[in-house]
Amino acid sequence: MEIFGYMQKYDYEQVVLCHDAASGLKAIIAIHDTTLGPALGGCRMWTYASEDEAIEDALRLARGMTYKNAAAGLNLGGAKTVVIGDPKKDKSEALFRALGRYIESLGGRYITAEDVGTNVQDMEYIRMETKYVAGLGEGSGDPSPFTALGVFQGIKAACREVFGRDDVAGRKVAIQGVGNVGFNLAKFLKKAGAELIVTDIFEENVKRAVNELGAKAVKPDEIIGADCDVFAPCALGAIINDDTINKLKCKIVAGSANNQLKEERHGDILQQKDILYVPDYIINAGGVINVAAELEPGGYIKEKATRKVEALYDAVLEVIEIAKKENIPTYKAADRLAENRINLLAKVKSTYIK
């Protein structure tokens, strides 16, 4: 890919390629924007098909974090780390400590945390080499339940808009991916009386959802076309694309996956099909809100973080209202919300303070 062309088009600040032969580390740290403060974004580990694919994912995710943090009202910029490797086989203390040294070298411009394929123990290893890491055991811990809580609140808000009430009892929700976030979302929905349809590339995740929550299992390639009220993508991104968009049989798309739209035009198509799309970086901000609470004066307070995550219900309604008022798709409304805050505070921060 043309990295500098991509960086120029979307105004990235920095991309760092990290390599350590001894540990096998191959990672990309992408810093998109630090206007609002140091860039906060998780560390993802995945088996990418190519290095280009990994770099592109890091770049897309970093930009998404800028918008997510801005829209969530956090004084933080956006970044992301992508580690190339199998999270089930390639992890080691040495690998994450090597990554920690690269993060330390950035001098606080970037703060990492958990993401897909990483956990609290991995962050503890990184912490041995740098203080610029959150989501630790003694702090906010695993962000997955908070991400799931935010998605649950967002789904309720979307149901209020589409069906006239936010009660999800009796609603069919198809969840693509029942890993850490997806399974926690399924638990919230089950408790509220929703009917669950699930799939995952890992069979053990599906079995857990079926056995513990009474979910109906379908094959991965069948979830897109499932007859449901809400389709909740909770795996990897770009799931709404030319191949899938016409298979949807839902009224709402609302899930935790990042970058759900393959291209922005797919958001326009969803609007034309009268499917309400809840922008991913609005609805899935619960995890980063919880992690960011560690960085506040006085330290992490779970109850305070939970209240902020639950307020994503109102954030989703605000985006929907902007979209209706300005007659634009919801993804554009979300972008407008985030960009307005960034641009306004950029002017405030132009005042020199030593």
Protein backbone atom coordinates (compact mmCIF):
# COMPACT_ATOMS: atom_id res chain seq x y z
CA MET A 1 0.00 0.00 0.00
CA GLU A 2 1.03 3.63 -0.47
CA ILE A 3 1.55 4.38 3.22
CA PHE A 4 2.46 8.05 2.95
CA GLY A 5 -0.40 8.71 0.55
CA TYR A 6 -2.81 7.09 3.00
CA MET A 7 -1.32 9.04 5.91
CA GLN A 8 -1.65 12.30 4.02
CA LYS A 9 -5.23 11.60 2.96
CA TYR A 10 -6.41 10.99 6.54
CA ASP A 11 -3.86 13.23 8.31
CA TYR A 12 -1.91 10.68 10.38
CA GLU A 13 0.93 11.82 12.60
CA GLN A 14 3.17 8.78 12.91
CA VAL A 15 3.56 5.10 12.07
CA VAL A 16 6.17 3.00 13.87
CA LEU A 17 7.27 -0.44 12.65
CA CYS A 18 8.56 -2.52 15.57
CA HIS A 19 10.76 -5.61 15.20
CA ASP A 20 12.60 -7.74 17.73
CA ALA A 21 14.33 -10.86 16.44
CA ALA A 22 14.80 -12.52 19.83
CA SER A 23 11.10 -12.50 20.75
CA GLY A 24 9.68 -12.63 17.24
CA LEU A 25 7.92 -9.30 17.65
CA LYS A 26 6.49 -7.78 14.48
CA ALA A 27 4.19 -4.88 15.28
CA ILE A 28 2.82 -1.62 13.94
CA ILE A 29 2.02 1.37 16.13
CA ALA A 30 -0.12 3.90 14.29
CA ILE A 31 -0.72 7.32 15.88
CA HIS A 32 -3.46 9.22 14.10
CA ASP A 33 -4.06 12.41 16.09
CA THR A 34 -2.99 13.89 19.43
CA THR A 35 -4.95 17.16 19.30
CA LEU A 36 -7.00 16.34 22.38
CA GLY A 37 -4.21 14.66 24.34
CA PRO A 38 -1.99 11.57 24.30
CA ALA A 39 -3.25 8.92 21.91
CA LEU A 40 -5.01 6.00 23.60
CA GLY A 41 -5.72 2.80 21.70
CA GLY A 42 -5.54 -0.92 22.33
CA CYS A 43 -3.00 -3.54 21.30
CA ARG A 44 -4.47 -6.09 18.88
CA MET A 45 -2.81 -9.44 18.04
CA TRP A 46 -4.01 -11.30 14.96
CA THR A 47 -2.92 -13.66 12.20
CA TYR A 48 -2.96 -11.29 9.25
CA ALA A 49 -2.74 -12.64 5.71
CA SER A 50 -0.06 -10.09 4.82
CA GLU A 51 1.98 -7.24 6.28
CA ASP A 52 0.04 -4.77 4.12
CA GLU A 53 -3.20 -6.03 5.66
CA ALA A 54 -1.80 -5.55 9.17
CA ILE A 55 -0.60 -2.01 8.42
CA GLU A 56 -3.92 -1.05 6.87
CA ASP A 57 -5.79 -2.44 9.88
CA ALA A 58 -3.58 -0.48 12.29
CA LEU A 59 -4.15 2.72 10.34
CA ARG A 60 -7.93 2.29 10.09
CA LEU A 61 -8.23 1.36 13.76
CA ALA A 62 -6.08 4.30 14.89
CA ARG A 63 -8.24 6.80 13.03
CA GLY A 64 -11.33 5.17 14.49
CA MET A 65 -9.89 5.65 17.97
CA THR A 66 -9.44 9.39 17.36
CA TYR A 67 -13.12 9.70 16.54
CA LYS A 68 -14.19 7.32 19.30
CA ASN A 69 -12.27 9.17 22.02
CA ALA A 70 -13.40 12.57 20.77
CA ALA A 71 -17.07 11.61 20.53
CA ALA A 72 -16.92 10.01 23.99
CA GLY A 73 -15.78 13.32 25.46
CA LEU A 74 -12.31 12.04 26.41
CA ASN A 75 -9.25 14.29 26.39
CA LEU A 76 -7.32 11.72 24.41
CA GLY A 77 -6.16 11.25 20.84
CA GLY A 78 -6.32 8.10 18.77
CA ALA A 79 -3.83 5.34 18.02
CA LYS A 80 -3.58 1.57 17.74
CA THR A 81 -1.02 -1.21 17.94
CA VAL A 82 -1.25 -4.31 15.79
CA VAL A 83 0.94 -7.32 16.58
CA ILE A 84 1.29 -9.88 13.80
CA GLY A 85 0.94 -13.38 15.22
CA ASP A 86 -1.38 -16.06 16.50
CA PRO A 87 -2.64 -15.01 19.96
CA LYS A 88 -3.16 -18.68 20.86
CA LYS A 89 0.42 -19.75 20.03
CA ASP A 90 2.83 -16.84 19.61
CA LYS A 91 2.53 -14.91 22.86
CA SER A 92 5.44 -14.60 25.29
CA GLU A 93 6.68 -12.36 28.07
CA ALA A 94 9.63 -11.34 25.90
CA LEU A 95 7.40 -10.32 22.98
CA PHE A 96 5.24 -7.97 25.03
CA ARG A 97 8.18 -6.58 26.96
CA ALA A 98 9.89 -5.81 23.66
CA LEU A 99 6.73 -4.02 22.55
CA GLY A 100 6.68 -2.16 25.85
CA ARG A 101 10.12 -0.74 25.12
CA TYR A 102 8.94 0.62 21.79
CA ILE A 103 5.94 2.22 23.50
CA GLU A 104 8.25 3.74 26.13
CA SER A 105 10.39 5.25 23.36
CA LEU A 106 7.39 7.34 22.25
CA GLY A 107 7.59 9.31 25.49
CA GLY A 108 3.92 9.27 26.40
CA ARG A 109 2.48 10.18 22.98
CA TYR A 110 0.80 6.77 22.99
CA ILE A 111 -0.91 4.77 25.75
CA THR A 112 -1.87 1.17 25.04
CA ALA A 113 -4.43 -1.23 26.52
CA GLU A 114 -6.12 -4.54 25.71
CA ASP A 115 -7.79 -5.34 22.42
CA VAL A 116 -8.66 -8.37 20.31
CA GLY A 117 -6.17 -11.15 21.02
CA THR A 118 -4.59 -9.59 24.13
CA ASN A 119 -5.44 -9.67 27.83
CA VAL A 120 -4.57 -8.26 31.25
CA GLN A 121 -1.48 -10.49 31.59
CA ASP A 122 -0.09 -9.16 28.31
CA MET A 123 -0.56 -5.61 29.59
CA GLU A 124 1.26 -6.55 32.80
CA TYR A 125 4.27 -7.63 30.72
CA ILE A 126 4.19 -4.34 28.81
CA ARG A 127 3.99 -2.50 32.15
CA MET A 128 7.37 -3.96 33.09
CA GLU A 129 8.92 -1.72 30.42
CA THR A 130 6.69 1.36 30.34
CA LYS A 131 4.14 3.23 32.42
CA TYR A 132 2.15 4.10 29.30
CA VAL A 133 -0.29 1.20 29.55
CA ALA A 134 -3.79 0.89 30.99
CA GLY A 135 -6.28 -1.91 31.56
CA LEU A 136 -4.19 -3.47 34.32
CA GLY A 137 -5.40 -5.90 36.96
CA GLU A 138 -5.20 -3.36 39.79
CA GLY A 139 -6.89 -0.73 37.63
CA SER A 140 -9.82 -1.04 35.26
CA GLY A 141 -8.97 -4.61 34.26
CA ASP A 142 -10.63 -6.36 31.34
CA PRO A 143 -12.55 -3.75 29.28
CA SER A 144 -14.74 -6.35 27.51
CA PRO A 145 -17.71 -6.24 29.93
CA PHE A 146 -17.80 -2.44 29.66
CA THR A 147 -17.63 -2.51 25.88
CA ALA A 148 -20.51 -4.99 25.94
CA LEU A 149 -22.49 -2.79 28.35
CA GLY A 150 -22.10 0.18 26.02
CA VAL A 151 -23.24 -1.86 23.03
CA PHE A 152 -26.23 -3.11 25.00
CA GLN A 153 -27.20 0.47 25.87
CA GLY A 154 -26.76 1.46 22.22
CA ILE A 155 -28.97 -1.38 21.01
CA LYS A 156 -31.68 -0.29 23.43
CA ALA A 157 -31.45 3.29 22.14
CA ALA A 158 -31.66 2.05 18.54
CA CYS A 159 -34.71 -0.07 19.37
CA ARG A 160 -36.35 2.99 20.88
CA GLU A 161 -35.85 4.83 17.58
CA VAL A 162 -36.91 1.99 15.28
CA PHE A 163 -39.57 0.16 17.30
CA GLY A 164 -40.82 2.93 19.58
CA ARG A 165 -39.53 1.42 22.84
CA ASP A 166 -36.14 0.38 24.14
CA ASP A 167 -37.26 -2.91 25.65
CA VAL A 168 -35.36 -5.72 23.86
CA ALA A 169 -37.56 -8.50 25.28
CA GLY A 170 -38.61 -10.76 22.42
CA ARG A 171 -36.28 -9.07 19.92
CA LYS A 172 -34.12 -11.35 17.82
CA VAL A 173 -30.46 -10.35 17.94
CA ALA A 174 -27.88 -12.03 15.70
CA ILE A 175 -24.40 -11.75 17.19
CA GLN A 176 -21.42 -12.34 14.92
CA GLY A 177 -18.58 -13.28 17.25
CA VAL A 178 -19.17 -14.40 20.83
CA GLY A 179 -15.70 -13.94 22.23
CA ASN A 180 -15.02 -11.71 25.23
CA VAL A 181 -17.22 -8.79 24.15
CA GLY A 182 -19.83 -10.73 22.18
CA PHE A 183 -20.48 -13.21 24.96
CA ASN A 184 -20.86 -10.46 27.56
CA LEU A 185 -23.26 -8.67 25.22
CA ALA A 186 -25.20 -11.91 24.82
CA LYS A 187 -25.52 -12.17 28.60
CA PHE A 188 -26.94 -8.65 28.87
CA LEU A 189 -29.40 -9.35 26.06
CA LYS A 190 -30.45 -12.73 27.45
CA LYS A 191 -31.12 -11.24 30.87
CA ALA A 192 -33.28 -8.59 29.18
CA GLY A 193 -35.32 -11.25 27.36
CA ALA A 194 -33.89 -11.12 23.84
CA GLU A 195 -33.68 -14.16 21.55
CA LEU A 196 -30.09 -14.91 20.52
CA ILE A 197 -28.65 -16.16 17.23
CA VAL A 198 -24.88 -16.60 17.36
CA THR A 199 -21.85 -17.63 15.39
CA ASP A 200 -18.07 -17.57 15.80
CA ILE A 201 -15.03 -18.96 14.01
CA PHE A 202 -14.11 -20.69 17.28
CA GLU A 203 -16.47 -23.59 18.01
CA GLU A 204 -15.87 -23.45 21.77
CA ASN A 205 -17.28 -19.90 21.87
CA VAL A 206 -20.44 -21.02 20.09
CA LYS A 207 -20.91 -24.01 22.40
CA ARG A 208 -20.60 -21.77 25.46
CA ALA A 209 -23.30 -19.41 24.15
CA VAL A 210 -25.59 -22.30 23.30
CA ASN A 211 -25.08 -24.19 26.57
CA GLU A 212 -25.10 -21.24 28.96
CA LEU A 213 -27.50 -18.84 27.26
CA GLY A 214 -29.72 -21.04 25.12
CA ALA A 215 -28.64 -19.29 21.94
CA LYS A 216 -29.36 -20.67 18.49
CA ALA A 217 -26.14 -21.40 16.57
CA VAL A 218 -25.66 -20.85 12.84
CA LYS A 219 -22.65 -21.21 10.56
CA PRO A 220 -20.41 -18.14 10.14
CA ASP A 221 -21.55 -17.57 6.55
CA GLU A 222 -25.23 -17.71 7.60
CA ILE A 223 -25.27 -15.01 10.27
CA ILE A 224 -25.44 -12.11 7.81
CA GLY A 225 -28.69 -13.38 6.34
CA ALA A 226 -30.27 -14.34 9.65
CA ASP A 227 -33.87 -13.19 10.07
CA CYS A 228 -33.53 -10.82 13.03
CA ASP A 229 -34.33 -7.39 14.43
CA VAL A 230 -30.72 -6.48 15.24
CA PHE A 231 -27.50 -7.63 13.61
CA ALA A 232 -24.61 -7.17 16.05
CA PRO A 233 -21.15 -7.51 14.46
CA CYS A 234 -18.74 -8.32 17.30
CA ALA A 235 -15.80 -9.78 15.38
CA LEU A 236 -13.45 -8.04 12.95
CA GLY A 237 -14.22 -5.11 10.68
CA ALA A 238 -15.45 -4.48 7.12
CA ILE A 239 -18.37 -6.89 7.58
CA ILE A 240 -20.78 -4.50 5.83
CA ASN A 241 -19.57 -4.71 2.23
CA ASP A 242 -20.71 -5.32 -1.33
CA ASP A 243 -20.99 -9.07 -0.73
CA THR A 244 -23.01 -8.89 2.48
CA ILE A 245 -25.12 -5.76 2.47
CA ASN A 246 -27.95 -7.15 0.36
CA LYS A 247 -28.19 -10.26 2.55
CA LEU A 248 -29.16 -8.32 5.66
CA LYS A 249 -32.65 -9.04 7.02
CA CYS A 250 -32.50 -6.75 10.02
CA LYS A 251 -33.74 -3.27 10.91
CA ILE A 252 -30.70 -2.31 13.01
CA VAL A 253 -26.94 -2.86 12.68
CA ALA A 254 -25.32 -2.28 16.08
CA GLY A 255 -22.28 -4.13 17.38
CA SER A 256 -18.85 -3.85 18.95
CA ALA A 257 -16.62 -4.52 15.91
CA ASN A 258 -14.48 -1.63 14.71
CA ASN A 259 -14.73 -0.28 11.15
CA GLN A 260 -17.86 -2.26 10.32
CA LEU A 261 -18.38 -0.41 7.03
CA LYS A 262 -15.96 -1.60 4.34
CA GLU A 263 -16.39 1.79 2.68
CA GLU A 264 -18.32 4.89 3.71
CA ARG A 265 -20.75 4.42 0.82
CA HIS A 266 -22.02 1.28 2.54
CA GLY A 267 -23.39 3.55 5.26
CA ASP A 268 -25.32 5.41 2.57
CA ILE A 269 -26.70 2.13 1.26
CA LEU A 270 -27.87 1.09 4.72
CA GLN A 271 -29.77 4.35 5.02
CA GLN A 272 -31.36 3.78 1.60
CA LYS A 273 -32.42 0.30 2.73
CA ASP A 274 -34.01 1.82 5.86
CA ILE A 275 -31.61 -0.03 8.16
CA LEU A 276 -30.47 2.00 11.15
CA TYR A 277 -26.68 1.80 11.48
CA VAL A 278 -25.34 2.73 14.91
CA PRO A 279 -21.78 3.97 14.21
CA ASP A 280 -19.30 1.53 15.69
CA TYR A 281 -17.03 4.01 17.43
CA ILE A 282 -20.00 5.55 19.22
CA ILE A 283 -21.57 2.34 20.47
CA ASN A 284 -18.35 0.44 21.28
CA ALA A 285 -16.69 3.21 23.32
CA GLY A 286 -17.47 1.57 26.67
CA GLY A 287 -14.14 -0.21 26.89
CA VAL A 288 -12.02 2.86 26.23
CA ILE A 289 -14.18 4.97 28.57
CA ASN A 290 -13.50 2.43 31.31
CA VAL A 291 -9.77 2.27 30.56
CA ALA A 292 -9.50 6.08 30.39
CA ALA A 293 -10.94 6.26 33.90
CA GLU A 294 -7.58 4.93 35.13
CA LEU A 295 -5.92 8.10 33.85
CA GLU A 296 -8.20 10.51 35.72
CA PRO A 297 -7.10 12.35 38.90
CA GLY A 298 -7.93 10.17 41.88
CA GLY A 299 -7.56 6.97 39.90
CA TYR A 300 -10.05 4.38 38.76
CA ILE A 301 -13.56 4.37 40.27
CA LYS A 302 -15.70 1.59 38.82
CA GLU A 303 -19.07 3.15 39.63
CA LYS A 304 -18.13 6.42 37.95
CA ALA A 305 -16.84 4.61 34.86
CA THR A 306 -20.02 2.52 34.67
CA ARG A 307 -22.21 5.63 34.70
CA LYS A 308 -20.24 7.09 31.82
CA VAL A 309 -20.57 3.88 29.83
CA GLU A 310 -24.32 3.74 30.42
CA ALA A 311 -24.53 7.30 29.05
CA LEU A 312 -23.73 5.89 25.59
CA TYR A 313 -27.51 5.36 25.36
CA ASP A 314 -27.87 9.14 25.13
CA ALA A 315 -24.86 9.46 22.80
CA VAL A 316 -26.49 7.10 20.30
CA LEU A 317 -29.75 9.06 20.46
CA GLU A 318 -27.79 12.30 19.89
CA VAL A 319 -26.17 10.90 16.74
CA ILE A 320 -29.55 9.70 15.46
CA GLU A 321 -31.03 13.14 16.10
CA ILE A 322 -28.20 14.88 14.20
CA ALA A 323 -28.70 12.49 11.30
CA LYS A 324 -32.44 13.19 11.15
CA LYS A 325 -32.08 16.93 11.58
CA GLU A 326 -29.44 17.29 8.86
CA ASN A 327 -30.80 14.47 6.67
CA ILE A 328 -27.47 12.64 6.58
CA PRO A 329 -26.48 9.01 7.29
CA THR A 330 -25.65 8.21 10.89
CA TYR A 331 -21.96 7.57 10.15
CA LYS A 332 -21.65 11.14 8.87
CA ALA A 333 -23.51 12.44 11.91
CA ALA A 334 -21.06 10.65 14.21
CA ASP A 335 -18.08 12.04 12.29
CA ARG A 336 -19.53 15.53 12.55
CA LEU A 337 -19.95 15.16 16.32
CA ALA A 338 -16.32 14.05 16.77
CA GLU A 339 -14.77 16.49 14.30
CA ASN A 340 -16.58 19.48 15.79
CA ARG A 341 -15.11 18.71 19.21
CA ILE A 342 -11.60 18.18 17.85
CA ASN A 343 -11.66 21.37 15.78
CA LEU A 344 -13.08 23.48 18.60
CA LEU A 345 -10.58 22.29 21.19
CA ALA A 346 -7.70 22.58 18.70
CA LYS A 347 -8.39 26.33 18.64
CA VAL A 348 -8.51 26.49 22.44
CA LYS A 349 -5.22 24.59 22.73
CA SER A 350 -3.49 26.98 20.31
CA THR A 351 -3.00 29.31 23.27
CA TYR A 352 0.59 28.87 24.46
CA ILE A 353 1.10 27.35 27.92
CA LYS A 354 4.62 26.39 28.96
